[in-house]
N, C-alpha and C. Protein backbone atom coordinates (compact mmCIF):
# COMPACT_ATOMS: atom_id res chain seq x y z
N MET A 1 0.84 -1.19 0.00
CA MET A 1 0.00 0.00 0.00
C MET A 1 0.88 1.25 0.00
N LYS A 2 0.54 2.21 -0.84
CA LYS A 2 1.28 3.47 -0.91
C LYS A 2 0.72 4.48 0.08
N ASP A 3 1.61 5.27 0.66
CA ASP A 3 1.19 6.39 1.49
C ASP A 3 1.09 7.62 0.60
N PHE A 4 0.02 8.37 0.77
CA PHE A 4 -0.16 9.58 -0.04
C PHE A 4 -1.09 10.54 0.68
N VAL A 5 -1.12 11.75 0.19
CA VAL A 5 -2.01 12.80 0.68
C VAL A 5 -2.90 13.23 -0.48
N VAL A 6 -4.17 13.45 -0.21
CA VAL A 6 -5.10 13.93 -1.23
C VAL A 6 -5.72 15.24 -0.74
N SER A 7 -5.85 16.18 -1.64
CA SER A 7 -6.54 17.43 -1.31
C SER A 7 -7.49 17.78 -2.43
N ILE A 8 -8.53 18.51 -2.05
CA ILE A 8 -9.52 18.98 -3.03
C ILE A 8 -9.48 20.50 -2.99
N HIS A 9 -9.30 21.10 -4.14
CA HIS A 9 -9.23 22.56 -4.26
C HIS A 9 -10.43 23.04 -5.08
N ASP A 10 -11.39 23.62 -4.39
CA ASP A 10 -12.62 24.10 -5.01
C ASP A 10 -12.52 25.61 -5.23
N LEU A 11 -13.01 26.08 -6.36
CA LEU A 11 -12.98 27.50 -6.65
C LEU A 11 -14.16 28.18 -5.95
N SER A 12 -13.87 28.82 -4.86
CA SER A 12 -14.89 29.49 -4.06
C SER A 12 -15.59 30.59 -4.87
N GLY A 13 -16.91 30.56 -4.86
CA GLY A 13 -17.69 31.58 -5.55
C GLY A 13 -17.85 31.38 -7.04
N PHE A 14 -17.29 30.32 -7.58
CA PHE A 14 -17.34 30.15 -9.03
C PHE A 14 -18.75 29.85 -9.53
N SER A 15 -19.53 29.08 -8.76
CA SER A 15 -20.89 28.76 -9.19
C SER A 15 -21.74 30.02 -9.31
N THR A 16 -21.60 30.92 -8.34
CA THR A 16 -22.33 32.19 -8.37
C THR A 16 -21.91 33.01 -9.59
N LEU A 17 -20.59 33.07 -9.81
CA LEU A 17 -20.08 33.83 -10.95
C LEU A 17 -20.55 33.25 -12.27
N SER A 18 -20.51 31.93 -12.40
CA SER A 18 -20.92 31.31 -13.67
C SER A 18 -22.43 31.49 -13.91
N ASN A 19 -23.21 31.56 -12.84
CA ASN A 19 -24.65 31.84 -13.01
C ASN A 19 -24.87 33.25 -13.54
N LYS A 20 -24.04 34.20 -13.11
CA LYS A 20 -24.14 35.57 -13.62
C LYS A 20 -23.76 35.64 -15.09
N TRP A 21 -22.84 34.76 -15.49
CA TRP A 21 -22.36 34.73 -16.87
C TRP A 21 -23.07 33.65 -17.69
N ARG A 22 -24.25 33.32 -17.32
CA ARG A 22 -25.01 32.23 -17.94
C ARG A 22 -25.03 32.31 -19.47
N ASP A 23 -25.08 33.52 -19.99
CA ASP A 23 -25.15 33.70 -21.44
C ASP A 23 -23.78 33.79 -22.11
N SER A 24 -22.72 33.61 -21.33
CA SER A 24 -21.35 33.74 -21.86
C SER A 24 -20.54 32.49 -21.56
N ALA A 25 -20.91 31.38 -22.17
CA ALA A 25 -20.22 30.11 -21.92
C ALA A 25 -18.72 30.20 -22.21
N ASP A 26 -18.35 30.94 -23.25
CA ASP A 26 -16.93 31.09 -23.58
C ASP A 26 -16.17 31.81 -22.47
N LEU A 27 -16.79 32.82 -21.89
CA LEU A 27 -16.16 33.56 -20.80
C LEU A 27 -15.98 32.67 -19.57
N VAL A 28 -16.98 31.86 -19.26
CA VAL A 28 -16.88 30.92 -18.14
C VAL A 28 -15.75 29.93 -18.39
N ALA A 29 -15.72 29.35 -19.58
CA ALA A 29 -14.69 28.37 -19.92
C ALA A 29 -13.29 28.99 -19.90
N ASP A 30 -13.16 30.18 -20.47
CA ASP A 30 -11.85 30.85 -20.48
C ASP A 30 -11.38 31.17 -19.06
N THR A 31 -12.31 31.59 -18.22
CA THR A 31 -11.95 31.94 -16.84
C THR A 31 -11.50 30.72 -16.06
N ILE A 32 -12.28 29.65 -16.12
CA ILE A 32 -11.92 28.45 -15.36
C ILE A 32 -10.61 27.85 -15.89
N ASN A 33 -10.41 27.90 -17.20
CA ASN A 33 -9.16 27.38 -17.77
C ASN A 33 -7.96 28.21 -17.31
N ALA A 34 -8.10 29.51 -17.24
CA ALA A 34 -7.00 30.37 -16.78
C ALA A 34 -6.68 30.11 -15.31
N VAL A 35 -7.71 29.98 -14.49
CA VAL A 35 -7.50 29.71 -13.07
C VAL A 35 -6.88 28.33 -12.88
N PHE A 36 -7.43 27.33 -13.55
CA PHE A 36 -6.88 25.98 -13.44
C PHE A 36 -5.43 25.92 -13.90
N SER A 37 -5.09 26.64 -14.95
CA SER A 37 -3.72 26.65 -15.44
C SER A 37 -2.75 27.14 -14.36
N GLU A 38 -3.12 28.22 -13.68
CA GLU A 38 -2.27 28.73 -12.60
C GLU A 38 -2.21 27.76 -11.43
N LEU A 39 -3.35 27.17 -11.08
CA LEU A 39 -3.37 26.21 -9.98
C LEU A 39 -2.52 24.98 -10.29
N ILE A 40 -2.60 24.50 -11.50
CA ILE A 40 -1.83 23.31 -11.90
C ILE A 40 -0.33 23.60 -11.80
N ASP A 41 0.09 24.78 -12.23
CA ASP A 41 1.50 25.16 -12.12
C ASP A 41 1.93 25.21 -10.65
N LEU A 42 1.09 25.78 -9.80
CA LEU A 42 1.39 25.88 -8.38
C LEU A 42 1.45 24.50 -7.73
N ILE A 43 0.53 23.65 -8.08
CA ILE A 43 0.50 22.27 -7.55
C ILE A 43 1.76 21.53 -7.97
N ALA A 44 2.15 21.64 -9.22
CA ALA A 44 3.37 20.99 -9.71
C ALA A 44 4.60 21.52 -8.98
N LYS A 45 4.63 22.82 -8.72
CA LYS A 45 5.75 23.44 -7.99
C LYS A 45 5.93 22.80 -6.62
N HIS A 46 4.83 22.37 -6.02
CA HIS A 46 4.87 21.75 -4.70
C HIS A 46 4.88 20.23 -4.76
N GLY A 47 5.10 19.66 -5.93
CA GLY A 47 5.25 18.21 -6.06
C GLY A 47 3.96 17.42 -6.13
N GLY A 48 2.83 18.08 -6.37
CA GLY A 48 1.55 17.39 -6.45
C GLY A 48 1.19 17.01 -7.88
N ASP A 49 0.23 16.11 -7.99
CA ASP A 49 -0.29 15.68 -9.29
C ASP A 49 -1.80 15.83 -9.29
N VAL A 50 -2.34 16.50 -10.31
CA VAL A 50 -3.79 16.59 -10.45
C VAL A 50 -4.27 15.22 -10.92
N ILE A 51 -5.18 14.62 -10.16
CA ILE A 51 -5.66 13.29 -10.53
C ILE A 51 -7.08 13.32 -11.10
N ASN A 52 -7.77 14.47 -10.90
CA ASN A 52 -9.12 14.55 -11.44
C ASN A 52 -9.60 16.01 -11.42
N PHE A 53 -10.45 16.32 -12.37
CA PHE A 53 -11.18 17.59 -12.38
C PHE A 53 -12.62 17.25 -12.03
N ALA A 54 -13.20 17.98 -11.11
CA ALA A 54 -14.58 17.72 -10.70
C ALA A 54 -15.34 19.04 -10.71
N GLY A 55 -15.90 19.40 -11.85
CA GLY A 55 -16.59 20.67 -11.97
C GLY A 55 -15.61 21.82 -11.82
N ASP A 56 -15.79 22.61 -10.76
CA ASP A 56 -14.89 23.74 -10.52
C ASP A 56 -13.87 23.41 -9.42
N ALA A 57 -13.54 22.14 -9.31
CA ALA A 57 -12.57 21.71 -8.29
C ALA A 57 -11.51 20.81 -8.92
N LEU A 58 -10.35 20.79 -8.27
CA LEU A 58 -9.26 19.88 -8.65
C LEU A 58 -9.03 18.91 -7.51
N ILE A 59 -8.82 17.65 -7.84
CA ILE A 59 -8.43 16.66 -6.84
C ILE A 59 -6.96 16.36 -7.08
N VAL A 60 -6.16 16.51 -6.02
CA VAL A 60 -4.71 16.47 -6.14
C VAL A 60 -4.14 15.43 -5.19
N SER A 61 -3.06 14.76 -5.62
CA SER A 61 -2.39 13.82 -4.73
C SER A 61 -0.90 14.12 -4.66
N TRP A 62 -0.34 13.81 -3.53
CA TRP A 62 1.09 13.85 -3.30
C TRP A 62 1.45 12.45 -2.81
N THR A 63 2.39 11.79 -3.48
CA THR A 63 2.75 10.42 -3.15
C THR A 63 4.13 10.38 -2.51
N LYS A 64 4.24 9.57 -1.47
CA LYS A 64 5.51 9.39 -0.78
C LYS A 64 6.52 8.80 -1.76
N THR A 65 7.73 9.37 -1.78
CA THR A 65 8.72 8.97 -2.78
C THR A 65 9.65 7.85 -2.31
N VAL A 66 9.85 7.71 -1.02
CA VAL A 66 10.76 6.69 -0.51
C VAL A 66 9.95 5.69 0.32
N PRO A 67 9.72 4.48 -0.21
CA PRO A 67 8.92 3.50 0.51
C PRO A 67 9.51 3.19 1.90
N GLY A 68 8.61 3.17 2.88
CA GLY A 68 9.02 2.79 4.23
C GLY A 68 9.72 3.86 5.04
N GLU A 69 10.03 4.98 4.44
CA GLU A 69 10.75 6.03 5.16
C GLU A 69 9.76 7.04 5.73
N GLU A 70 9.68 7.13 7.05
CA GLU A 70 8.72 8.02 7.72
C GLU A 70 8.95 9.49 7.35
N ALA A 71 10.22 9.90 7.23
CA ALA A 71 10.53 11.28 6.89
C ALA A 71 9.94 11.66 5.53
N SER A 72 9.88 10.71 4.62
CA SER A 72 9.32 10.97 3.30
C SER A 72 7.83 11.28 3.39
N LEU A 73 7.12 10.58 4.27
CA LEU A 73 5.69 10.85 4.45
C LEU A 73 5.48 12.27 4.97
N TRP A 74 6.27 12.69 5.93
CA TRP A 74 6.13 14.04 6.48
C TRP A 74 6.48 15.10 5.44
N LYS A 75 7.41 14.77 4.55
CA LYS A 75 7.75 15.70 3.46
C LYS A 75 6.53 15.89 2.54
N VAL A 76 5.85 14.79 2.24
CA VAL A 76 4.67 14.84 1.38
C VAL A 76 3.55 15.66 2.05
N VAL A 77 3.34 15.43 3.34
CA VAL A 77 2.33 16.18 4.08
C VAL A 77 2.68 17.67 4.06
N SER A 78 3.96 17.98 4.28
CA SER A 78 4.42 19.36 4.27
C SER A 78 4.20 20.02 2.90
N GLN A 79 4.51 19.30 1.83
CA GLN A 79 4.30 19.83 0.47
C GLN A 79 2.82 20.15 0.23
N ALA A 80 1.95 19.23 0.64
CA ALA A 80 0.51 19.42 0.44
C ALA A 80 0.01 20.62 1.24
N LEU A 81 0.47 20.75 2.47
CA LEU A 81 0.03 21.88 3.30
C LEU A 81 0.54 23.21 2.76
N LYS A 82 1.79 23.24 2.33
CA LYS A 82 2.34 24.48 1.77
C LYS A 82 1.58 24.88 0.51
N CYS A 83 1.27 23.92 -0.33
CA CYS A 83 0.52 24.21 -1.55
C CYS A 83 -0.87 24.73 -1.20
N SER A 84 -1.55 24.05 -0.30
CA SER A 84 -2.89 24.47 0.09
C SER A 84 -2.90 25.86 0.66
N TYR A 85 -1.88 26.18 1.45
CA TYR A 85 -1.79 27.52 2.02
C TYR A 85 -1.58 28.56 0.92
N GLU A 86 -0.72 28.26 -0.03
CA GLU A 86 -0.44 29.21 -1.11
C GLU A 86 -1.64 29.38 -2.06
N VAL A 87 -2.40 28.32 -2.25
CA VAL A 87 -3.56 28.35 -3.14
C VAL A 87 -4.66 29.25 -2.58
N ARG A 88 -4.79 29.26 -1.27
CA ARG A 88 -5.93 29.97 -0.68
C ARG A 88 -5.86 31.43 -1.00
């Protein structure tokens, strides 16, 4: 079994915004793509991998790199927390 951390990053307020832009599907798509692009770069910077897109949210994982090494698990937890803090 692999040790890993999973986080979900939801775009706060996006549903309300997309309802306001109901008649501008291109604007909604362009906006979410621009935001996701920046988030994906930030997640990669912190060693995470996007494993799924769920509407206006990203599901991300960080996998322990050294099997059996406790320090590696804490490094993964630290990477996930730093990324989550920077994303907010």
